[in-house]
């Protein structure tokens, strides 16, 4: 879904335009854990949100007839292996939403001066130097996953206190992890698959 701020056109047409790209990746949909990056040296604060500097770029952003972005790719540095660790911890980023926002240096204090696109991570490839994310619109009906229920290692797929969860205790919150399920003594109903093998890549040191 593409969002365009009210002041975006004015900023775009100004002299000495200096665009800044911001990247927001939702790592844990159940816990609202985000990574927010920018390739702008020193980092950026926009609309009250901080984006840390990180070597990241995007390319191959394809629009449809309505101007909506349908396909894209993002490349992130893996030189310090931080991305490798995040991929292992957060299920390979599969189906995670990634938002790319373009703002302008001269209008950073104006929260309406932006253009934003949100796509889902569909494929991931990794080398010693970089991680490449292939993105696609959530409305990509030609690539719907069958079956629709996806097996994950980390997060329970059941709704807390729902029929499949069946927890009937006094607690009101659950982050859907196995540790939390054990705390609630409900691990027999845990709706994920911790034994599923990781698609891990082991890198040999120099």
Protein backbone atom coordinates (compact mmCIF):
# COMPACT_ATOMS: atom_id res chain seq x y z
CA UNK A 1 0.00 0.00 0.00
CA UNK A 2 1.48 3.34 -1.03
CA UNK A 3 1.07 6.40 1.19
CA UNK A 4 1.97 9.92 0.04
CA UNK A 5 2.26 12.79 2.49
CA UNK A 6 0.59 16.15 1.78
CA UNK A 7 3.90 18.04 1.51
CA UNK A 8 5.71 15.47 -0.58
CA UNK A 9 5.22 17.11 -3.98
CA UNK A 10 6.40 20.51 -2.79
CA UNK A 11 9.55 19.02 -1.28
CA UNK A 12 10.20 16.88 -4.35
CA UNK A 13 10.16 19.91 -6.66
CA UNK A 14 12.37 22.11 -4.47
CA UNK A 15 15.92 23.03 -5.49
CA UNK A 16 18.82 20.95 -4.14
CA UNK A 17 16.57 18.05 -3.27
CA UNK A 18 18.29 15.55 -0.96
CA UNK A 19 16.16 12.40 -0.56
CA UNK A 20 16.56 10.11 2.45
CA UNK A 21 15.31 6.52 2.55
CA UNK A 22 14.02 4.91 5.74
CA UNK A 23 13.44 1.19 6.22
CA UNK A 24 11.14 -0.35 8.85
CA UNK A 25 11.02 -4.14 9.26
CA UNK A 26 8.53 -5.74 11.66
CA UNK A 27 10.48 -8.69 13.10
CA UNK A 28 7.94 -10.07 15.56
CA UNK A 29 4.28 -9.47 14.64
CA UNK A 30 3.13 -10.76 18.06
CA UNK A 31 5.51 -8.61 20.09
CA UNK A 32 5.75 -5.49 17.93
CA UNK A 33 9.56 -5.71 17.60
CA UNK A 34 10.98 -3.48 14.86
CA UNK A 35 14.30 -2.82 13.19
CA UNK A 36 14.53 0.64 11.67
CA UNK A 37 17.43 1.55 9.39
CA UNK A 38 18.57 4.32 7.06
CA UNK A 39 21.54 4.62 4.71
CA UNK A 40 21.79 8.30 5.70
CA UNK A 41 25.07 8.83 7.53
CA UNK A 42 24.58 9.45 11.24
CA UNK A 43 21.00 8.20 11.35
CA UNK A 44 17.70 10.06 11.08
CA UNK A 45 14.75 10.95 13.29
CA UNK A 46 11.47 11.35 11.41
CA UNK A 47 7.99 11.77 12.89
CA UNK A 48 9.37 10.94 16.33
CA UNK A 49 10.97 7.64 15.25
CA UNK A 50 14.72 7.02 15.22
CA UNK A 51 16.36 5.21 12.30
CA UNK A 52 19.90 3.98 12.82
CA UNK A 53 22.52 4.15 10.11
CA UNK A 54 23.13 0.80 8.42
CA UNK A 55 24.49 -0.16 4.98
CA UNK A 56 21.22 -0.84 3.16
CA UNK A 57 19.89 -0.12 -0.33
CA UNK A 58 16.88 -1.03 -2.43
CA UNK A 59 16.33 -1.50 -6.14
CA UNK A 60 14.00 -3.01 -8.72
CA UNK A 61 10.84 -1.38 -7.35
CA UNK A 62 8.07 -2.18 -9.81
CA UNK A 63 4.76 -0.30 -10.04
CA UNK A 64 1.45 -1.48 -11.46
CA UNK A 65 -0.99 0.57 -13.53
CA UNK A 66 -2.30 2.40 -10.47
CA UNK A 67 1.15 3.49 -9.27
CA UNK A 68 1.25 0.95 -6.42
CA UNK A 69 4.53 -0.85 -5.80
CA UNK A 70 4.13 -4.59 -6.44
CA UNK A 71 7.69 -5.94 -6.44
CA UNK A 72 11.01 -4.89 -4.97
CA UNK A 73 14.30 -5.95 -3.43
CA UNK A 74 16.42 -4.75 -0.52
CA UNK A 75 20.10 -5.49 0.11
CA UNK A 76 21.50 -5.26 3.67
CA UNK A 77 25.10 -5.63 4.78
CA UNK A 78 25.97 -8.87 6.59
CA UNK A 79 29.61 -8.00 7.21
CA UNK A 80 29.29 -8.18 11.01
CA UNK A 81 26.88 -11.19 10.89
CA UNK A 82 24.14 -9.20 12.66
CA UNK A 83 21.67 -9.99 9.88
CA UNK A 84 22.51 -13.69 10.10
CA UNK A 85 21.61 -13.69 13.79
CA UNK A 86 18.34 -11.82 13.18
CA UNK A 87 17.34 -14.21 10.39
CA UNK A 88 17.91 -17.19 12.66
CA UNK A 89 15.96 -15.62 15.52
CA UNK A 90 13.01 -14.32 13.52
CA UNK A 91 12.06 -17.17 11.19
CA UNK A 92 14.05 -15.92 8.20
CA UNK A 93 11.91 -12.74 7.99
CA UNK A 94 9.32 -14.76 6.07
CA UNK A 95 6.13 -12.79 5.36
CA UNK A 96 7.36 -9.91 7.55
CA UNK A 97 6.20 -6.45 6.37
CA UNK A 98 8.96 -4.04 5.33
CA UNK A 99 8.13 -0.38 4.75
CA UNK A 100 10.34 1.86 2.62
CA UNK A 101 9.77 5.57 3.25
CA UNK A 102 11.29 8.41 1.25
CA UNK A 103 11.67 11.76 2.99
CA UNK A 104 13.72 14.91 2.34
CA UNK A 105 16.56 16.43 4.31
CA UNK A 106 15.02 19.92 4.17
CA UNK A 107 11.60 18.78 5.47
CA UNK A 108 12.50 16.26 8.19
CA UNK A 109 10.47 18.25 10.70
CA UNK A 110 7.32 17.93 8.57
CA UNK A 111 5.71 14.50 9.23
CA UNK A 112 3.50 14.86 6.13
CA UNK A 113 6.39 15.17 3.67
CA UNK A 114 6.97 11.54 2.75
CA UNK A 115 6.09 8.72 0.38
CA UNK A 116 5.84 5.20 1.77
CA UNK A 117 5.41 1.65 0.43
CA UNK A 118 4.87 -1.53 2.44
CA UNK A 119 5.71 -4.93 0.98
CA UNK A 120 6.14 -8.42 2.42
CA UNK A 121 9.40 -10.38 2.52
CA UNK A 122 8.92 -13.39 0.24
CA UNK A 123 12.44 -14.72 -0.28
CA UNK A 124 15.81 -14.30 1.44
CA UNK A 125 19.30 -15.07 0.20
CA UNK A 126 22.47 -14.61 2.24
CA UNK A 127 26.21 -14.51 1.65
CA UNK A 128 29.16 -13.60 3.85
CA UNK A 129 28.77 -9.96 2.79
CA UNK A 130 25.07 -9.28 2.34
CA UNK A 131 21.46 -10.31 2.81
CA UNK A 132 19.07 -9.87 -0.14
CA UNK A 133 15.33 -9.63 0.48
CA UNK A 134 12.83 -10.17 -2.33
CA UNK A 135 9.64 -8.23 -1.63
CA UNK A 136 6.13 -8.53 -2.99
CA UNK A 137 2.78 -6.90 -2.40
CA UNK A 138 0.47 -8.60 0.12
CA UNK A 139 -2.08 -8.60 -2.72
CA UNK A 140 0.08 -10.85 -4.90
CA UNK A 141 -2.74 -13.35 -5.52
CA UNK A 142 -0.69 -15.32 -8.08
CA UNK A 143 1.75 -16.35 -5.34
CA UNK A 144 -0.63 -17.28 -2.53
CA UNK A 145 0.93 -19.93 -0.27
CA UNK A 146 -0.90 -23.26 -0.10
CA UNK A 147 -1.65 -24.36 2.54
CA UNK A 148 -2.32 -20.96 4.11
CA UNK A 149 -1.23 -22.12 7.61
CA UNK A 150 2.55 -21.84 7.81
CA UNK A 151 4.73 -23.93 10.12
CA UNK A 152 7.02 -21.77 12.23
CA UNK A 153 9.65 -22.67 14.80
CA UNK A 154 9.34 -19.69 17.11
CA UNK A 155 5.81 -18.35 17.49
CA UNK A 156 2.58 -20.11 18.37
CA UNK A 157 -0.04 -19.76 15.63
CA UNK A 158 -3.01 -20.02 18.02
CA UNK A 159 -4.94 -17.08 19.47
CA UNK A 160 -4.30 -16.71 23.19
CA UNK A 161 -7.17 -18.30 25.17
CA UNK A 162 -8.76 -19.40 21.90
CA UNK A 163 -10.18 -22.84 21.26
CA UNK A 164 -6.87 -24.30 20.05
CA UNK A 165 -4.84 -22.62 22.80
CA UNK A 166 -7.33 -23.67 25.51
CA UNK A 167 -5.55 -21.72 28.26
CA UNK A 168 -8.13 -20.94 30.96
CA UNK A 169 -5.96 -19.38 33.68
CA UNK A 170 -5.90 -15.89 35.11
CA UNK A 171 -3.09 -14.46 32.94
CA UNK A 172 -4.19 -11.95 30.30
CA UNK A 173 -1.10 -11.69 28.08
CA UNK A 174 1.05 -14.10 26.12
CA UNK A 175 3.83 -13.36 23.62
CA UNK A 176 3.26 -16.75 21.96
CA UNK A 177 6.73 -18.13 22.69
CA UNK A 178 7.49 -21.58 24.05
CA UNK A 179 9.03 -20.12 27.20
CA UNK A 180 5.83 -18.22 27.96
CA UNK A 181 3.77 -21.31 27.26
CA UNK A 182 5.86 -23.22 29.78
CA UNK A 183 5.40 -20.47 32.35
CA UNK A 184 1.66 -20.87 31.91
CA UNK A 185 2.01 -24.68 32.08
CA UNK A 186 0.31 -24.93 28.70
CA UNK A 187 3.21 -26.19 26.58
CA UNK A 188 1.26 -29.25 25.47
CA UNK A 189 -0.89 -26.86 23.41
CA UNK A 190 2.04 -24.88 21.93
CA UNK A 191 1.13 -24.20 18.31
CA UNK A 192 4.58 -23.97 16.71
CA UNK A 193 7.20 -26.50 15.68
CA UNK A 194 10.50 -25.93 17.56
CA UNK A 195 12.05 -29.06 16.02
CA UNK A 196 11.72 -27.71 12.48
CA UNK A 197 15.28 -27.50 11.07
CA UNK A 198 16.74 -24.04 10.55
CA UNK A 199 17.84 -23.08 7.06
CA UNK A 200 21.06 -21.93 8.67
CA UNK A 201 24.19 -20.97 6.75
CA UNK A 202 27.43 -21.56 8.63
CA UNK A 203 30.27 -19.28 7.64
CA UNK A 204 33.88 -20.34 8.01
CA UNK A 205 36.27 -17.73 9.38
CA UNK A 206 39.25 -16.49 7.46
